[in-house]
């Protein structure tokens, strides 16, 4: 499996931000925003190959860290009764 990196992708305008769809990259839509420099940014999880393609197409990409450095969400299952009891004991 290819290494992937958490990145921030910067696009010069909204049109280019939307055009990321054609690159089929894993972006986190709720992170889309306009920066103070009036560029558009969105976060994603990309391979080095994807990063290179985006840069070749005029995007700026800030590579933040390897995906293995961020903790994964842990699954925790409990019943409503157990949760209420633990909450009331606090």
N, C-alpha and C. Protein backbone atom coordinates (compact mmCIF):
# COMPACT_ATOMS: atom_id res chain seq x y z
N UNK A 1 0.84 -1.18 0.00
CA UNK A 1 0.00 0.00 0.00
C UNK A 1 0.89 1.25 0.00
N UNK A 2 0.53 2.22 -0.83
CA UNK A 2 1.30 3.45 -0.92
C UNK A 2 1.16 4.29 0.34
N UNK A 3 2.25 4.95 0.68
CA UNK A 3 2.20 5.88 1.81
C UNK A 3 1.34 7.06 1.43
N UNK A 4 0.56 7.54 2.39
CA UNK A 4 -0.27 8.71 2.17
C UNK A 4 0.06 9.75 3.22
N UNK A 5 -0.19 11.00 2.86
CA UNK A 5 0.17 12.11 3.72
C UNK A 5 -1.01 13.05 3.89
N UNK A 6 -1.17 13.56 5.11
CA UNK A 6 -2.16 14.60 5.35
C UNK A 6 -1.62 15.88 4.73
N UNK A 7 -2.43 16.53 3.92
CA UNK A 7 -1.99 17.72 3.18
C UNK A 7 -3.08 18.79 3.21
N UNK A 8 -2.66 20.01 2.91
CA UNK A 8 -3.58 21.09 2.61
C UNK A 8 -3.34 21.47 1.16
N UNK A 9 -4.40 21.49 0.39
CA UNK A 9 -4.33 21.81 -1.03
C UNK A 9 -4.86 23.23 -1.21
N UNK A 10 -4.09 24.07 -1.92
CA UNK A 10 -4.49 25.45 -2.17
C UNK A 10 -4.80 25.63 -3.64
N UNK A 11 -5.97 26.20 -3.92
CA UNK A 11 -6.39 26.46 -5.30
C UNK A 11 -6.54 27.96 -5.48
N UNK A 12 -6.27 28.44 -6.69
CA UNK A 12 -6.32 29.88 -6.93
C UNK A 12 -7.73 30.45 -6.91
N UNK A 13 -8.72 29.63 -7.17
CA UNK A 13 -10.11 30.10 -7.13
C UNK A 13 -11.05 28.92 -6.90
N UNK A 14 -12.32 29.25 -6.75
CA UNK A 14 -13.31 28.22 -6.46
C UNK A 14 -13.43 27.21 -7.61
N UNK A 15 -13.30 27.68 -8.82
CA UNK A 15 -13.37 26.80 -9.99
C UNK A 15 -12.31 25.70 -9.91
N UNK A 16 -11.10 26.07 -9.53
CA UNK A 16 -10.02 25.10 -9.43
C UNK A 16 -10.20 24.17 -8.22
N UNK A 17 -10.81 24.71 -7.18
CA UNK A 17 -11.09 23.86 -6.01
C UNK A 17 -12.08 22.76 -6.41
N UNK A 18 -13.11 23.14 -7.12
CA UNK A 18 -14.12 22.17 -7.58
C UNK A 18 -13.50 21.18 -8.57
N UNK A 19 -12.54 21.65 -9.36
CA UNK A 19 -11.90 20.79 -10.36
C UNK A 19 -11.07 19.67 -9.73
N UNK A 20 -10.85 19.73 -8.42
CA UNK A 20 -10.13 18.64 -7.75
C UNK A 20 -10.85 17.31 -7.94
N UNK A 21 -12.16 17.35 -8.18
CA UNK A 21 -12.94 16.12 -8.39
C UNK A 21 -12.36 15.26 -9.51
N UNK A 22 -11.86 15.89 -10.55
CA UNK A 22 -11.35 15.11 -11.68
C UNK A 22 -10.04 14.40 -11.35
N UNK A 23 -9.38 14.83 -10.28
CA UNK A 23 -8.13 14.20 -9.86
C UNK A 23 -8.36 12.96 -8.99
N UNK A 24 -9.60 12.78 -8.56
CA UNK A 24 -9.97 11.63 -7.72
C UNK A 24 -9.05 11.50 -6.50
N UNK A 25 -8.92 12.60 -5.76
CA UNK A 25 -8.13 12.59 -4.54
C UNK A 25 -9.06 12.56 -3.33
N UNK A 26 -8.54 12.06 -2.23
CA UNK A 26 -9.31 11.92 -1.00
C UNK A 26 -9.23 13.23 -0.22
N UNK A 27 -10.24 14.09 -0.39
CA UNK A 27 -10.28 15.36 0.32
C UNK A 27 -11.41 15.35 1.34
N UNK A 28 -11.26 16.19 2.35
CA UNK A 28 -12.25 16.27 3.42
C UNK A 28 -13.08 17.53 3.18
N UNK A 29 -14.24 17.35 2.56
CA UNK A 29 -15.06 18.48 2.13
C UNK A 29 -15.38 19.49 3.23
N UNK A 30 -15.64 19.06 4.47
CA UNK A 30 -15.94 20.06 5.51
C UNK A 30 -14.78 21.02 5.82
N UNK A 31 -13.57 20.71 5.33
CA UNK A 31 -12.42 21.57 5.62
C UNK A 31 -12.23 22.66 4.56
N UNK A 32 -13.04 22.68 3.51
CA UNK A 32 -12.90 23.69 2.45
C UNK A 32 -13.13 25.08 3.04
N UNK A 33 -12.23 26.01 2.66
CA UNK A 33 -12.32 27.36 3.22
C UNK A 33 -11.58 28.35 2.31
N UNK A 34 -11.82 29.64 2.56
CA UNK A 34 -11.08 30.70 1.91
C UNK A 34 -10.05 31.20 2.92
N UNK A 35 -8.79 31.29 2.49
CA UNK A 35 -7.72 31.71 3.39
C UNK A 35 -7.66 33.24 3.47
N UNK A 36 -6.83 33.73 4.38
CA UNK A 36 -6.64 35.18 4.51
C UNK A 36 -6.04 35.78 3.24
N UNK A 37 -5.32 34.97 2.48
CA UNK A 37 -4.72 35.42 1.23
C UNK A 37 -5.70 35.31 0.05
N UNK A 38 -6.96 35.04 0.36
CA UNK A 38 -8.02 34.92 -0.64
C UNK A 38 -7.79 33.78 -1.64
N UNK A 39 -7.16 32.71 -1.17
CA UNK A 39 -7.08 31.50 -1.97
C UNK A 39 -8.00 30.47 -1.33
N UNK A 40 -8.30 29.45 -2.05
CA UNK A 40 -9.17 28.40 -1.55
C UNK A 40 -8.32 27.24 -1.08
N UNK A 41 -8.69 26.65 0.06
CA UNK A 41 -7.92 25.55 0.64
C UNK A 41 -8.84 24.43 1.07
N UNK A 42 -8.32 23.23 1.02
CA UNK A 42 -9.04 22.05 1.50
C UNK A 42 -8.00 21.03 1.95
N UNK A 43 -8.33 20.26 2.95
CA UNK A 43 -7.41 19.25 3.46
C UNK A 43 -7.72 17.91 2.81
N UNK A 44 -6.68 17.07 2.76
CA UNK A 44 -6.87 15.77 2.14
C UNK A 44 -5.80 14.79 2.58
N UNK A 45 -5.94 13.58 2.11
CA UNK A 45 -5.00 12.49 2.39
C UNK A 45 -4.53 11.98 1.04
N UNK A 46 -3.25 12.27 0.69
CA UNK A 46 -2.76 12.04 -0.66
C UNK A 46 -1.49 11.22 -0.71
N UNK A 47 -1.29 10.54 -1.83
CA UNK A 47 -0.04 9.84 -2.09
C UNK A 47 0.95 10.84 -2.70
N UNK A 48 2.22 10.47 -2.74
CA UNK A 48 3.22 11.34 -3.36
C UNK A 48 2.92 11.56 -4.84
N UNK A 49 2.43 10.54 -5.51
CA UNK A 49 2.07 10.66 -6.92
C UNK A 49 0.95 11.67 -7.12
N UNK A 50 -0.07 11.62 -6.27
CA UNK A 50 -1.17 12.58 -6.36
C UNK A 50 -0.69 14.00 -6.09
N UNK A 51 0.20 14.15 -5.11
CA UNK A 51 0.75 15.47 -4.79
C UNK A 51 1.47 16.03 -6.01
N UNK A 52 2.30 15.21 -6.65
CA UNK A 52 3.05 15.65 -7.82
C UNK A 52 2.12 16.07 -8.96
N UNK A 53 1.06 15.30 -9.19
CA UNK A 53 0.11 15.65 -10.26
C UNK A 53 -0.57 16.97 -9.98
N UNK A 54 -0.97 17.19 -8.71
CA UNK A 54 -1.63 18.44 -8.37
C UNK A 54 -0.69 19.63 -8.56
N UNK A 55 0.55 19.48 -8.13
CA UNK A 55 1.53 20.55 -8.31
C UNK A 55 1.75 20.83 -9.79
N UNK A 56 1.83 19.80 -10.59
CA UNK A 56 1.98 19.97 -12.04
C UNK A 56 0.80 20.72 -12.65
N UNK A 57 -0.38 20.57 -12.05
CA UNK A 57 -1.58 21.23 -12.55
C UNK A 57 -1.80 22.61 -11.94
N UNK A 58 -0.83 23.11 -11.17
CA UNK A 58 -0.92 24.48 -10.67
C UNK A 58 -1.41 24.65 -9.25
N UNK A 59 -1.68 23.57 -8.55
CA UNK A 59 -2.11 23.66 -7.15
C UNK A 59 -0.86 23.79 -6.27
N UNK A 60 -1.01 24.42 -5.13
CA UNK A 60 0.03 24.40 -4.12
C UNK A 60 -0.39 23.36 -3.09
N UNK A 61 0.54 22.54 -2.62
CA UNK A 61 0.22 21.49 -1.67
C UNK A 61 1.19 21.57 -0.51
N UNK A 62 0.63 21.72 0.68
CA UNK A 62 1.41 21.73 1.91
C UNK A 62 1.31 20.34 2.51
N UNK A 63 2.42 19.62 2.55
CA UNK A 63 2.44 18.27 3.13
C UNK A 63 2.67 18.43 4.63
N UNK A 64 1.73 17.93 5.42
CA UNK A 64 1.80 18.14 6.86
C UNK A 64 2.46 16.98 7.59
N UNK A 65 1.96 15.76 7.36
CA UNK A 65 2.57 14.62 8.04
C UNK A 65 2.08 13.31 7.44
N UNK A 66 2.86 12.27 7.68
CA UNK A 66 2.52 10.92 7.25
C UNK A 66 1.26 10.48 7.99
N UNK A 67 0.42 9.74 7.30
CA UNK A 67 -0.84 9.31 7.92
C UNK A 67 -0.62 8.46 9.17
N UNK A 68 0.51 7.78 9.27
CA UNK A 68 0.76 6.92 10.42
C UNK A 68 1.03 7.72 11.70
N UNK A 69 1.30 9.01 11.58
CA UNK A 69 1.60 9.83 12.75
C UNK A 69 0.36 10.33 13.47
N UNK A 70 -0.76 10.22 12.84
CA UNK A 70 -2.01 10.67 13.48
C UNK A 70 -2.74 9.47 14.05
N UNK A 71 -3.27 9.64 15.21
CA UNK A 71 -4.00 8.56 15.87
C UNK A 71 -5.31 8.30 15.16
N UNK A 72 -5.64 7.07 15.04
CA UNK A 72 -6.92 6.69 14.47
C UNK A 72 -7.99 6.72 15.56
N UNK A 73 -9.19 7.00 15.15
CA UNK A 73 -10.30 6.97 16.10
C UNK A 73 -10.48 5.54 16.59
N UNK A 74 -10.69 5.41 17.86
CA UNK A 74 -10.89 4.07 18.41
C UNK A 74 -12.38 3.82 18.57
N UNK A 75 -12.74 2.60 18.28
CA UNK A 75 -14.14 2.23 18.39
C UNK A 75 -14.46 1.87 19.83
N UNK A 76 -15.50 2.48 20.36
CA UNK A 76 -15.91 2.22 21.73
C UNK A 76 -17.42 2.07 21.70
N UNK A 77 -17.89 0.91 22.08
CA UNK A 77 -19.32 0.63 22.05
C UNK A 77 -19.81 0.45 23.48
N UNK A 78 -20.92 1.10 23.79
CA UNK A 78 -21.52 0.98 25.11
C UNK A 78 -23.03 1.12 24.97
N UNK A 79 -23.73 0.62 25.93
CA UNK A 79 -25.19 0.77 25.91
C UNK A 79 -25.55 2.14 26.50
N UNK A 80 -26.74 2.58 26.22
CA UNK A 80 -27.19 3.86 26.76
C UNK A 80 -27.23 3.81 28.28
N UNK A 81 -27.61 2.67 28.84
CA UNK A 81 -27.67 2.53 30.30
C UNK A 81 -26.29 2.66 30.93
N UNK A 82 -25.29 2.02 30.31
CA UNK A 82 -23.94 2.10 30.83
C UNK A 82 -23.40 3.53 30.73
N UNK A 83 -23.71 4.19 29.63
CA UNK A 83 -23.24 5.56 29.45
C UNK A 83 -23.86 6.48 30.50
N UNK A 84 -25.17 6.34 30.71
CA UNK A 84 -25.86 7.17 31.71
C UNK A 84 -25.28 6.94 33.10
N UNK A 85 -25.04 5.69 33.43
CA UNK A 85 -24.49 5.37 34.76
C UNK A 85 -23.11 6.01 34.92
N UNK A 86 -22.25 5.88 33.91
CA UNK A 86 -20.92 6.48 33.99
C UNK A 86 -21.01 8.01 34.06
N UNK A 87 -21.95 8.58 33.33
CA UNK A 87 -22.13 10.04 33.35
C UNK A 87 -22.58 10.51 34.73
N UNK A 88 -23.50 9.79 35.35
CA UNK A 88 -24.03 10.18 36.66
C UNK A 88 -22.99 10.02 37.77
N UNK A 89 -22.02 9.14 37.57
CA UNK A 89 -20.99 8.90 38.59
C UNK A 89 -19.91 9.99 38.56
N UNK A 90 -19.90 10.81 37.59
CA UNK A 90 -18.88 11.87 37.48
C UNK A 90 -19.12 12.98 38.44
